[in-house]
């Protein structure tokens, strides 16, 4: 069975999707106590490390190697609705804990795939500098990643949630396991809602 680890796991949204796709959730980590408590309730057999990502350590916190690392890193500083400080905001800087943790695994043990999630404005903020920083960081960490490895989508188009909520997914593939990044964004859904009515 393929395994996944969840950074910035929250209450388990990412983990729920991965579990539904057949992944075993090997571990999770978040700094919010209420979110961790909810995650433990939903995934009783998954170890949850309740700790600030800046204090997290692969060996010290028992973060075993996984096939996929999922991380919905903080989005407030990248959102159009916020002050748009990007990496000048300590919440935005937390992104860099992801490549730091990746470097703590041996290259052959690093996750085969990274699935990151944030707000669409991350692509454009800072005149493109924010995204360029992420691209460079993931490439230095040993991953295939470029603009075409991103998927911009709206929750309402793929779920029954009646909310207009755009999200950005960034998928990076390990150069130790792939000769290229195999990810291609899914095709637009068919007229899903109209089909449900018939």
N, C-alpha and C. Protein backbone atom coordinates (compact mmCIF):
# COMPACT_ATOMS: atom_id res chain seq x y z
N UNK A 1 0.84 -1.20 0.00
CA UNK A 1 0.00 0.00 0.00
C UNK A 1 0.88 1.25 0.00
N UNK A 2 0.49 2.23 -0.79
CA UNK A 2 1.22 3.49 -0.82
C UNK A 2 0.96 4.27 0.46
N UNK A 3 1.96 5.02 0.88
CA UNK A 3 1.84 5.77 2.13
C UNK A 3 1.92 7.27 1.88
N UNK A 4 1.36 8.02 2.80
CA UNK A 4 1.39 9.48 2.71
C UNK A 4 1.61 10.08 4.09
N UNK A 5 2.31 11.21 4.12
CA UNK A 5 2.46 12.01 5.33
C UNK A 5 1.85 13.37 5.08
N UNK A 6 1.30 13.98 6.13
CA UNK A 6 0.60 15.26 5.97
C UNK A 6 1.21 16.33 6.88
N UNK A 7 1.84 17.33 6.27
CA UNK A 7 2.30 18.50 6.99
C UNK A 7 1.20 19.55 6.97
N UNK A 8 1.14 20.39 8.01
CA UNK A 8 0.07 21.40 8.09
C UNK A 8 -1.26 20.68 7.86
N UNK A 9 -1.44 19.59 8.59
CA UNK A 9 -2.52 18.64 8.29
C UNK A 9 -3.90 19.15 8.62
N UNK A 10 -4.01 20.17 9.49
CA UNK A 10 -5.32 20.65 9.88
C UNK A 10 -6.16 19.53 10.46
N UNK A 11 -7.45 19.53 10.13
CA UNK A 11 -8.35 18.51 10.66
C UNK A 11 -8.40 17.25 9.81
N UNK A 12 -7.62 17.24 8.71
CA UNK A 12 -7.54 16.02 7.91
C UNK A 12 -8.17 16.07 6.55
N UNK A 13 -8.34 17.25 5.98
CA UNK A 13 -8.93 17.34 4.65
C UNK A 13 -8.10 16.63 3.59
N UNK A 14 -6.82 16.95 3.53
CA UNK A 14 -5.92 16.30 2.59
C UNK A 14 -5.87 14.80 2.87
N UNK A 15 -5.74 14.45 4.15
CA UNK A 15 -5.65 13.03 4.53
C UNK A 15 -6.90 12.26 4.11
N UNK A 16 -8.07 12.88 4.21
CA UNK A 16 -9.31 12.21 3.81
C UNK A 16 -9.29 11.84 2.34
N UNK A 17 -8.85 12.80 1.50
CA UNK A 17 -8.77 12.53 0.07
C UNK A 17 -7.78 11.44 -0.26
N UNK A 18 -6.62 11.48 0.40
CA UNK A 18 -5.60 10.47 0.15
C UNK A 18 -6.06 9.09 0.63
N UNK A 19 -6.71 9.05 1.79
CA UNK A 19 -7.22 7.78 2.30
C UNK A 19 -8.28 7.20 1.37
N UNK A 20 -9.13 8.07 0.84
CA UNK A 20 -10.17 7.62 -0.09
C UNK A 20 -9.56 7.08 -1.39
N UNK A 21 -8.36 7.58 -1.72
CA UNK A 21 -7.66 7.11 -2.93
C UNK A 21 -6.84 5.85 -2.65
N UNK A 22 -6.87 5.36 -1.40
CA UNK A 22 -6.20 4.11 -1.09
C UNK A 22 -4.87 4.23 -0.37
N UNK A 23 -4.49 5.45 0.02
CA UNK A 23 -3.23 5.63 0.72
C UNK A 23 -3.37 5.33 2.21
N UNK A 24 -2.31 4.81 2.79
CA UNK A 24 -2.22 4.70 4.24
C UNK A 24 -1.60 5.99 4.77
N UNK A 25 -2.26 6.65 5.70
CA UNK A 25 -1.73 7.89 6.26
C UNK A 25 -0.76 7.51 7.37
N UNK A 26 0.54 7.66 7.10
CA UNK A 26 1.58 7.18 8.02
C UNK A 26 1.76 8.10 9.22
N UNK A 27 1.60 9.40 9.01
CA UNK A 27 1.75 10.38 10.09
C UNK A 27 1.20 11.72 9.63
N UNK A 28 0.99 12.59 10.61
CA UNK A 28 0.50 13.94 10.32
C UNK A 28 1.10 14.90 11.33
N UNK A 29 1.12 16.17 10.98
CA UNK A 29 1.65 17.18 11.90
C UNK A 29 0.95 18.51 11.69
N UNK A 30 0.63 19.18 12.80
CA UNK A 30 0.04 20.51 12.76
C UNK A 30 0.33 21.17 14.10
N UNK A 31 0.31 22.49 14.13
CA UNK A 31 0.61 23.21 15.37
C UNK A 31 -0.64 23.55 16.18
N UNK A 32 -1.82 23.39 15.57
CA UNK A 32 -3.06 23.76 16.24
C UNK A 32 -3.63 22.57 17.02
N UNK A 33 -3.76 22.75 18.33
CA UNK A 33 -4.22 21.66 19.17
C UNK A 33 -5.60 21.15 18.84
N UNK A 34 -6.54 22.07 18.53
CA UNK A 34 -7.89 21.65 18.19
C UNK A 34 -7.92 20.86 16.89
N UNK A 35 -7.13 21.31 15.91
CA UNK A 35 -7.05 20.58 14.64
C UNK A 35 -6.47 19.19 14.85
N UNK A 36 -5.43 19.11 15.66
CA UNK A 36 -4.80 17.81 15.94
C UNK A 36 -5.77 16.87 16.64
N UNK A 37 -6.55 17.41 17.58
CA UNK A 37 -7.52 16.58 18.30
C UNK A 37 -8.56 16.03 17.34
N UNK A 38 -9.01 16.86 16.41
CA UNK A 38 -9.99 16.40 15.42
C UNK A 38 -9.37 15.35 14.50
N UNK A 39 -8.11 15.61 14.09
CA UNK A 39 -7.43 14.64 13.22
C UNK A 39 -7.31 13.29 13.92
N UNK A 40 -6.93 13.30 15.18
CA UNK A 40 -6.80 12.04 15.93
C UNK A 40 -8.13 11.31 16.03
N UNK A 41 -9.21 12.06 16.16
CA UNK A 41 -10.54 11.45 16.22
C UNK A 41 -10.88 10.78 14.89
N UNK A 42 -10.53 11.43 13.80
CA UNK A 42 -10.87 10.91 12.48
C UNK A 42 -9.93 9.80 12.02
N UNK A 43 -8.65 9.89 12.44
CA UNK A 43 -7.65 8.91 12.02
C UNK A 43 -6.97 8.36 13.28
N UNK A 44 -7.68 7.52 13.97
CA UNK A 44 -7.25 7.06 15.29
C UNK A 44 -5.93 6.30 15.27
N UNK A 45 -5.59 5.70 14.14
CA UNK A 45 -4.37 4.88 14.07
C UNK A 45 -3.17 5.64 13.50
N UNK A 46 -3.34 6.92 13.23
CA UNK A 46 -2.26 7.71 12.65
C UNK A 46 -1.56 8.54 13.71
N UNK A 47 -0.24 8.41 13.85
CA UNK A 47 0.48 9.28 14.79
C UNK A 47 0.39 10.74 14.35
N UNK A 48 0.08 11.62 15.29
CA UNK A 48 -0.02 13.05 14.99
C UNK A 48 0.98 13.80 15.87
N UNK A 49 1.85 14.56 15.22
CA UNK A 49 2.84 15.36 15.95
C UNK A 49 2.30 16.78 16.07
N UNK A 50 1.99 17.18 17.28
CA UNK A 50 1.46 18.52 17.51
C UNK A 50 2.63 19.46 17.79
N UNK A 51 3.08 20.15 16.76
CA UNK A 51 4.29 20.94 16.90
C UNK A 51 4.37 21.96 15.77
N UNK A 52 4.96 23.12 16.06
CA UNK A 52 5.25 24.12 15.04
C UNK A 52 6.19 23.50 14.01
N UNK A 53 5.91 23.70 12.73
CA UNK A 53 6.73 23.11 11.67
C UNK A 53 8.20 23.50 11.79
N UNK A 54 8.45 24.68 12.34
CA UNK A 54 9.84 25.14 12.47
C UNK A 54 10.61 24.33 13.50
N UNK A 55 9.91 23.62 14.37
CA UNK A 55 10.55 22.79 15.39
C UNK A 55 10.52 21.31 15.04
N UNK A 56 9.89 20.98 13.93
CA UNK A 56 9.72 19.58 13.53
C UNK A 56 11.03 19.02 12.99
N UNK A 57 11.32 17.77 13.32
CA UNK A 57 12.52 17.09 12.85
C UNK A 57 12.15 15.68 12.39
N UNK A 58 12.69 15.28 11.25
CA UNK A 58 12.36 13.97 10.69
C UNK A 58 12.71 12.85 11.66
N UNK A 59 13.94 12.83 12.15
CA UNK A 59 14.36 11.76 13.04
C UNK A 59 13.78 11.93 14.43
N UNK A 60 13.87 13.12 14.97
CA UNK A 60 13.42 13.35 16.34
C UNK A 60 11.93 13.14 16.54
N UNK A 61 11.14 13.38 15.48
CA UNK A 61 9.69 13.24 15.60
C UNK A 61 9.14 12.00 14.91
N UNK A 62 10.04 11.13 14.47
CA UNK A 62 9.60 9.86 13.91
C UNK A 62 8.83 9.97 12.61
N UNK A 63 9.24 10.90 11.74
CA UNK A 63 8.57 11.05 10.45
C UNK A 63 9.16 10.05 9.46
N UNK A 64 8.55 8.90 9.38
CA UNK A 64 9.08 7.84 8.52
C UNK A 64 8.92 8.21 7.05
N UNK A 65 9.77 7.66 6.19
CA UNK A 65 9.65 7.94 4.75
C UNK A 65 8.28 7.54 4.22
N UNK A 66 7.76 8.34 3.31
CA UNK A 66 6.44 8.08 2.71
C UNK A 66 6.54 8.24 1.20
N UNK A 67 5.55 7.70 0.49
CA UNK A 67 5.52 7.84 -0.96
C UNK A 67 5.10 9.24 -1.39
N UNK A 68 4.16 9.82 -0.63
CA UNK A 68 3.64 11.14 -0.97
C UNK A 68 3.64 12.02 0.27
N UNK A 69 4.13 13.24 0.10
CA UNK A 69 4.04 14.23 1.17
C UNK A 69 3.02 15.29 0.74
N UNK A 70 1.98 15.47 1.54
CA UNK A 70 0.95 16.47 1.27
C UNK A 70 1.10 17.60 2.27
N UNK A 71 0.97 18.83 1.79
CA UNK A 71 1.13 19.97 2.68
C UNK A 71 0.31 21.16 2.19
N UNK A 72 -0.66 21.54 3.00
CA UNK A 72 -1.44 22.75 2.72
C UNK A 72 -0.84 23.88 3.56
N UNK A 73 0.29 24.41 3.12
CA UNK A 73 1.00 25.39 3.94
C UNK A 73 0.22 26.70 4.05
N UNK A 74 0.47 27.49 5.11
CA UNK A 74 -0.34 28.69 5.38
C UNK A 74 -0.46 29.62 4.18
N UNK A 75 -1.69 30.10 3.96
CA UNK A 75 -1.96 30.88 2.74
C UNK A 75 -2.25 32.36 3.00
N UNK A 76 -2.35 32.77 4.27
CA UNK A 76 -2.80 34.13 4.56
C UNK A 76 -1.94 35.20 3.89
N UNK A 77 -0.63 35.01 3.89
CA UNK A 77 0.25 36.05 3.35
C UNK A 77 0.30 36.05 1.83
N UNK A 78 -0.28 35.03 1.19
CA UNK A 78 -0.30 34.97 -0.28
C UNK A 78 -1.67 35.31 -0.86
N UNK A 79 -2.66 35.46 -0.01
CA UNK A 79 -4.03 35.67 -0.47
C UNK A 79 -4.26 37.12 -0.93
N UNK A 80 -5.07 37.25 -1.97
CA UNK A 80 -5.46 38.59 -2.42
C UNK A 80 -6.26 39.32 -1.36
N UNK A 81 -6.91 38.57 -0.49
CA UNK A 81 -7.75 39.17 0.55
C UNK A 81 -6.93 39.67 1.73
N UNK A 82 -5.65 39.30 1.79
CA UNK A 82 -4.80 39.71 2.91
C UNK A 82 -3.92 40.89 2.56
N UNK A 83 -2.82 41.03 3.32
CA UNK A 83 -1.93 42.16 3.07
C UNK A 83 -0.86 41.84 2.03
N UNK A 84 -0.84 40.61 1.52
CA UNK A 84 0.02 40.20 0.41
C UNK A 84 1.50 40.43 0.69
N UNK A 85 1.93 40.05 1.86
CA UNK A 85 3.33 40.23 2.22
C UNK A 85 4.20 39.06 1.78
N UNK A 86 3.58 37.96 1.35
CA UNK A 86 4.35 36.83 0.84
C UNK A 86 5.35 36.30 1.84
N UNK A 87 6.59 36.16 1.41
CA UNK A 87 7.63 35.60 2.26
C UNK A 87 8.18 36.62 3.26
N UNK A 88 7.69 37.86 3.20
CA UNK A 88 8.06 38.84 4.21
C UNK A 88 7.26 38.64 5.49
N UNK A 89 6.25 37.79 5.42
CA UNK A 89 5.40 37.43 6.56
C UNK A 89 5.89 36.09 7.11
N UNK A 90 6.00 35.96 8.41
CA UNK A 90 6.50 34.71 8.99
C UNK A 90 5.61 33.52 8.65
N UNK A 91 4.31 33.78 8.39
CA UNK A 91 3.44 32.69 7.98
C UNK A 91 3.81 32.20 6.58
N UNK A 92 4.20 33.13 5.73
CA UNK A 92 4.65 32.75 4.39
C UNK A 92 5.98 32.03 4.41
N UNK A 93 6.86 32.45 5.30
CA UNK A 93 8.18 31.84 5.42
C UNK A 93 8.12 30.37 5.79
N UNK A 94 7.02 29.95 6.41
CA UNK A 94 6.90 28.57 6.86
C UNK A 94 7.01 27.59 5.69
N UNK A 95 6.72 28.04 4.48
CA UNK A 95 6.88 27.17 3.31
C UNK A 95 8.26 26.52 3.29
N UNK A 96 9.28 27.29 3.66
CA UNK A 96 10.66 26.80 3.54
C UNK A 96 10.98 25.67 4.52
N UNK A 97 10.07 25.40 5.45
CA UNK A 97 10.24 24.24 6.31
C UNK A 97 10.05 22.94 5.53
N UNK A 98 9.33 23.01 4.41
CA UNK A 98 9.11 21.81 3.60
C UNK A 98 10.43 21.35 2.99
N UNK A 99 11.16 22.18 2.21
CA UNK A 99 12.45 21.70 1.70
C UNK A 99 13.46 21.40 2.80
N UNK A 100 13.38 22.09 3.93
CA UNK A 100 14.29 21.76 5.03
C UNK A 100 14.06 20.34 5.52
N UNK A 101 12.79 19.97 5.70
CA UNK A 101 12.48 18.62 6.15
C UNK A 101 12.84 17.58 5.09
N UNK A 102 12.62 17.91 3.84
CA UNK A 102 12.98 16.98 2.77
C UNK A 102 14.47 16.64 2.83
N UNK A 103 15.29 17.64 3.13
CA UNK A 103 16.74 17.44 3.18
C UNK A 103 17.16 16.56 4.35
N UNK A 104 16.29 16.38 5.33
CA UNK A 104 16.61 15.54 6.48
C UNK A 104 16.45 14.05 6.18
N UNK A 105 15.73 13.70 5.13
CA UNK A 105 15.70 12.32 4.66
C UNK A 105 16.87 12.09 3.71
N UNK A 106 17.35 10.86 3.65
CA UNK A 106 18.32 10.51 2.62
C UNK A 106 17.64 10.68 1.26
N UNK A 107 18.40 11.06 0.22
CA UNK A 107 17.76 11.29 -1.09
C UNK A 107 16.86 10.16 -1.56
N UNK A 108 17.27 8.91 -1.34
CA UNK A 108 16.46 7.78 -1.80
C UNK A 108 15.20 7.58 -0.97
N UNK A 109 15.15 8.20 0.22
CA UNK A 109 14.00 8.05 1.11
C UNK A 109 13.01 9.19 1.01
N UNK A 110 13.36 10.22 0.26
CA UNK A 110 12.46 11.37 0.17
C UNK A 110 11.18 10.98 -0.56
N UNK A 111 10.08 11.65 -0.25
CA UNK A 111 8.81 11.32 -0.91
C UNK A 111 8.93 11.34 -2.43
N UNK A 112 8.29 10.40 -3.06
CA UNK A 112 8.32 10.36 -4.53
C UNK A 112 7.57 11.54 -5.12
N UNK A 113 6.50 11.92 -4.46
CA UNK A 113 5.69 13.05 -4.94
C UNK A 113 5.39 14.01 -3.80
N UNK A 114 5.35 15.28 -4.12
CA UNK A 114 4.87 16.30 -3.20
C UNK A 114 3.57 16.85 -3.77
N UNK A 115 2.56 16.99 -2.92
CA UNK A 115 1.32 17.63 -3.33
C UNK A 115 1.08 18.78 -2.36
N UNK A 116 1.27 20.00 -2.85
CA UNK A 116 1.13 21.19 -2.02
C UNK A 116 -0.13 21.93 -2.43
N UNK A 117 -0.71 22.65 -1.49
CA UNK A 117 -1.97 23.38 -1.77
C UNK A 117 -1.92 24.77 -1.17
N UNK A 118 -2.45 25.73 -1.93
CA UNK A 118 -2.47 27.11 -1.46
C UNK A 118 -3.50 27.90 -2.28
N UNK A 119 -3.38 29.22 -2.25
CA UNK A 119 -4.33 30.08 -2.97
C UNK A 119 -3.80 30.40 -4.37
N UNK A 120 -4.69 30.67 -5.33
CA UNK A 120 -4.27 30.94 -6.70
C UNK A 120 -3.31 32.13 -6.83
N UNK A 121 -3.47 33.14 -5.97
CA UNK A 121 -2.64 34.34 -6.10
C UNK A 121 -1.15 34.06 -5.87
N UNK A 122 -0.85 32.88 -5.32
CA UNK A 122 0.55 32.50 -5.14
C UNK A 122 1.29 32.47 -6.47
N UNK A 123 0.58 32.19 -7.54
CA UNK A 123 1.20 32.14 -8.87
C UNK A 123 1.67 33.52 -9.34
N UNK A 124 0.97 34.57 -8.91
CA UNK A 124 1.18 35.88 -9.51
C UNK A 124 1.76 36.92 -8.56
N UNK A 125 1.63 36.68 -7.26
CA UNK A 125 2.05 37.68 -6.29
C UNK A 125 3.53 38.01 -6.36
N UNK A 126 3.86 39.22 -5.95
CA UNK A 126 5.25 39.67 -6.02
C UNK A 126 5.77 39.69 -7.44
N UNK A 127 4.87 39.97 -8.40
CA UNK A 127 5.23 39.96 -9.83
C UNK A 127 5.86 38.64 -10.24
N UNK A 128 5.34 37.55 -9.68
CA UNK A 128 5.83 36.22 -10.03
C UNK A 128 6.97 35.73 -9.17
N UNK A 129 7.49 36.58 -8.29
CA UNK A 129 8.65 36.22 -7.49
C UNK A 129 8.32 35.14 -6.46
N UNK A 130 7.11 35.18 -5.88
CA UNK A 130 6.72 34.17 -4.88
C UNK A 130 6.81 32.78 -5.49
N UNK A 131 6.16 32.62 -6.64
CA UNK A 131 6.15 31.30 -7.28
C UNK A 131 7.56 30.89 -7.68
N UNK A 132 8.35 31.83 -8.17
CA UNK A 132 9.71 31.52 -8.59
C UNK A 132 10.55 31.01 -7.41
N UNK A 133 10.33 31.59 -6.23
CA UNK A 133 11.04 31.12 -5.04
C UNK A 133 10.67 29.68 -4.72
N UNK A 134 9.40 29.35 -4.82
CA UNK A 134 8.96 27.99 -4.56
C UNK A 134 9.52 27.03 -5.60
N UNK A 135 9.45 27.43 -6.85
CA UNK A 135 9.99 26.59 -7.93
C UNK A 135 11.47 26.29 -7.71
N UNK A 136 12.23 27.31 -7.40
CA UNK A 136 13.67 27.13 -7.18
C UNK A 136 13.93 26.24 -5.96
N UNK A 137 13.17 26.44 -4.90
CA UNK A 137 13.37 25.66 -3.67
C UNK A 137 13.09 24.18 -3.90
N UNK A 138 12.02 23.89 -4.62
CA UNK A 138 11.68 22.49 -4.87
C UNK A 138 12.68 21.83 -5.81
N UNK A 139 13.17 22.59 -6.77
CA UNK A 139 14.19 22.03 -7.67
C UNK A 139 15.49 21.76 -6.93
N UNK A 140 15.88 22.67 -6.06
CA UNK A 140 17.10 22.45 -5.27
C UNK A 140 16.95 21.23 -4.35
N UNK A 141 15.71 20.95 -3.94
CA UNK A 141 15.45 19.80 -3.06
C UNK A 141 15.45 18.48 -3.82
N UNK A 142 15.59 18.56 -5.16
CA UNK A 142 15.68 17.34 -5.96
C UNK A 142 14.40 16.92 -6.65
N UNK A 143 13.55 17.90 -6.97
CA UNK A 143 12.25 17.58 -7.56
C UNK A 143 12.04 18.27 -8.90
N UNK A 144 11.38 17.55 -9.79
CA UNK A 144 10.92 18.14 -11.04
C UNK A 144 9.72 19.01 -10.73
N UNK A 145 9.78 20.27 -11.10
CA UNK A 145 8.64 21.15 -10.83
C UNK A 145 8.72 22.39 -11.71
N UNK A 146 7.58 22.75 -12.32
CA UNK A 146 7.48 23.97 -13.13
C UNK A 146 6.03 24.43 -13.12
N UNK A 147 5.76 25.50 -13.81
CA UNK A 147 4.41 26.08 -13.82
C UNK A 147 3.37 25.08 -14.32
N UNK A 148 3.75 24.26 -15.28
CA UNK A 148 2.81 23.29 -15.84
C UNK A 148 2.49 22.16 -14.86
N UNK A 149 3.21 22.11 -13.74
CA UNK A 149 2.96 21.09 -12.73
C UNK A 149 1.93 21.56 -11.70
N UNK A 150 1.24 22.64 -12.02
CA UNK A 150 0.24 23.20 -11.11
C UNK A 150 -1.16 22.98 -11.66
N UNK A 151 -2.10 22.91 -10.75
CA UNK A 151 -3.51 22.75 -11.12
C UNK A 151 -4.33 23.79 -10.37
N UNK A 152 -4.92 24.69 -11.10
CA UNK A 152 -5.80 25.71 -10.52
C UNK A 152 -7.23 25.23 -10.73
N UNK A 153 -7.97 25.07 -9.62
CA UNK A 153 -9.30 24.50 -9.73
C UNK A 153 -10.26 25.16 -8.75
N UNK A 154 -11.53 24.88 -8.93
CA UNK A 154 -12.56 25.42 -8.05
C UNK A 154 -13.28 24.26 -7.38
N UNK A 155 -13.36 24.33 -6.07
CA UNK A 155 -13.95 23.24 -5.28
C UNK A 155 -15.35 22.89 -5.77
N UNK A 156 -16.14 23.89 -6.13
CA UNK A 156 -17.53 23.65 -6.50
C UNK A 156 -17.67 22.82 -7.79
N UNK A 157 -16.61 22.81 -8.60
CA UNK A 157 -16.68 22.07 -9.86
C UNK A 157 -16.44 20.57 -9.68
N UNK A 158 -15.87 20.17 -8.56
CA UNK A 158 -15.50 18.77 -8.36
C UNK A 158 -16.15 18.13 -7.15
N UNK A 159 -16.87 18.91 -6.36
CA UNK A 159 -17.50 18.37 -5.16
C UNK A 159 -18.94 18.84 -5.07
N UNK A 160 -19.62 18.39 -4.03
CA UNK A 160 -20.98 18.83 -3.77
C UNK A 160 -21.02 20.04 -2.84
N UNK A 161 -19.86 20.57 -2.51
CA UNK A 161 -19.79 21.73 -1.62
C UNK A 161 -20.29 22.97 -2.37
N UNK A 162 -21.34 23.64 -1.88
CA UNK A 162 -21.89 24.80 -2.59
C UNK A 162 -21.11 26.07 -2.27
N UNK A 163 -19.83 26.06 -2.59
CA UNK A 163 -18.97 27.19 -2.28
C UNK A 163 -18.04 27.48 -3.44
N UNK A 164 -17.96 28.73 -3.85
CA UNK A 164 -17.06 29.15 -4.92
C UNK A 164 -15.69 29.38 -4.29
N UNK A 165 -14.83 28.37 -4.38
CA UNK A 165 -13.55 28.42 -3.67
C UNK A 165 -12.44 27.89 -4.58
N UNK A 166 -11.65 28.79 -5.12
CA UNK A 166 -10.55 28.40 -5.99
C UNK A 166 -9.33 28.01 -5.15
N UNK A 167 -8.66 26.95 -5.58
CA UNK A 167 -7.45 26.49 -4.90
C UNK A 167 -6.38 26.16 -5.94
N UNK A 168 -5.13 26.24 -5.49
CA UNK A 168 -3.99 25.93 -6.34
C UNK A 168 -3.28 24.70 -5.78
N UNK A 169 -3.08 23.69 -6.61
CA UNK A 169 -2.32 22.51 -6.23
C UNK A 169 -1.01 22.50 -7.01
N UNK A 170 0.08 22.22 -6.30
CA UNK A 170 1.41 22.18 -6.89
C UNK A 170 1.95 20.76 -6.70
N UNK A 171 2.33 20.10 -7.78
CA UNK A 171 2.77 18.72 -7.71
C UNK A 171 4.21 18.62 -8.20
N UNK A 172 5.09 18.10 -7.34
CA UNK A 172 6.50 17.95 -7.68
C UNK A 172 6.87 16.47 -7.61
N UNK A 173 7.75 16.04 -8.52
CA UNK A 173 8.14 14.63 -8.61
C UNK A 173 9.64 14.49 -8.35
N UNK A 174 10.00 13.51 -7.54
CA UNK A 174 11.39 13.29 -7.16
C UNK A 174 12.24 12.87 -8.36
N UNK A 175 13.38 13.52 -8.51
CA UNK A 175 14.30 13.13 -9.59
C UNK A 175 14.96 11.79 -9.30
N UNK A 176 14.92 11.34 -8.04
CA UNK A 176 15.47 10.03 -7.69
C UNK A 176 14.55 8.90 -8.14
N UNK A 177 13.29 9.22 -8.44
CA UNK A 177 12.31 8.19 -8.80
C UNK A 177 11.69 8.39 -10.18
N UNK A 178 11.80 9.58 -10.74
CA UNK A 178 11.19 9.87 -12.03
C UNK A 178 12.20 10.55 -12.96
N UNK A 179 12.05 10.33 -14.25
CA UNK A 179 12.90 11.03 -15.23
C UNK A 179 12.25 12.32 -15.71
N UNK A 180 11.02 12.55 -15.28
CA UNK A 180 10.29 13.78 -15.59
C UNK A 180 9.12 13.86 -14.62
N UNK A 181 8.42 14.98 -14.61
CA UNK A 181 7.23 15.10 -13.77
C UNK A 181 6.03 14.56 -14.53
N UNK A 182 5.44 13.45 -14.06
CA UNK A 182 4.35 12.83 -14.82
C UNK A 182 2.99 13.50 -14.63
N UNK A 183 2.91 14.50 -13.75
CA UNK A 183 1.60 15.08 -13.45
C UNK A 183 1.08 15.96 -14.59
N UNK A 184 -0.16 15.74 -14.93
CA UNK A 184 -0.88 16.64 -15.83
C UNK A 184 -2.21 16.96 -15.17
N UNK A 185 -2.63 18.22 -15.16
CA UNK A 185 -3.89 18.58 -14.52
C UNK A 185 -5.06 17.79 -15.10
N UNK A 186 -6.01 17.40 -14.28
CA UNK A 186 -7.19 16.69 -14.78
C UNK A 186 -7.96 17.56 -15.77
N UNK A 187 -8.66 16.94 -16.70
CA UNK A 187 -9.47 17.73 -17.63
C UNK A 187 -10.62 18.39 -16.88
N UNK A 188 -11.15 19.46 -17.42
CA UNK A 188 -12.31 20.10 -16.77
C UNK A 188 -13.44 19.10 -16.62
N UNK A 189 -14.19 19.18 -15.54
CA UNK A 189 -15.29 18.23 -15.37
C UNK A 189 -16.37 18.46 -16.41
N UNK A 190 -17.12 17.40 -16.71
CA UNK A 190 -18.28 17.58 -17.57
C UNK A 190 -19.30 18.39 -16.77
N UNK A 191 -20.42 18.68 -17.38
CA UNK A 191 -21.41 19.52 -16.70
C UNK A 191 -22.00 18.73 -15.53
N UNK A 192 -21.19 18.61 -14.48
CA UNK A 192 -21.48 17.72 -13.37
C UNK A 192 -22.80 18.03 -12.67
N UNK A 193 -23.02 19.28 -12.38
CA UNK A 193 -24.22 19.64 -11.61
C UNK A 193 -25.49 19.41 -12.42
N UNK A 194 -25.43 19.71 -13.70
CA UNK A 194 -26.63 19.49 -14.50
C UNK A 194 -26.91 17.99 -14.64
N UNK A 195 -25.82 17.16 -14.67
CA UNK A 195 -26.01 15.72 -14.77
C UNK A 195 -26.66 15.18 -13.50
N UNK A 196 -26.30 15.77 -12.35
CA UNK A 196 -26.86 15.31 -11.09
C UNK A 196 -28.35 15.58 -10.97
N UNK A 197 -28.82 16.56 -11.69
CA UNK A 197 -30.23 16.92 -11.61
C UNK A 197 -31.12 15.97 -12.41
N UNK A 198 -30.51 15.22 -13.34
CA UNK A 198 -31.31 14.34 -14.20
C UNK A 198 -31.29 12.91 -13.70
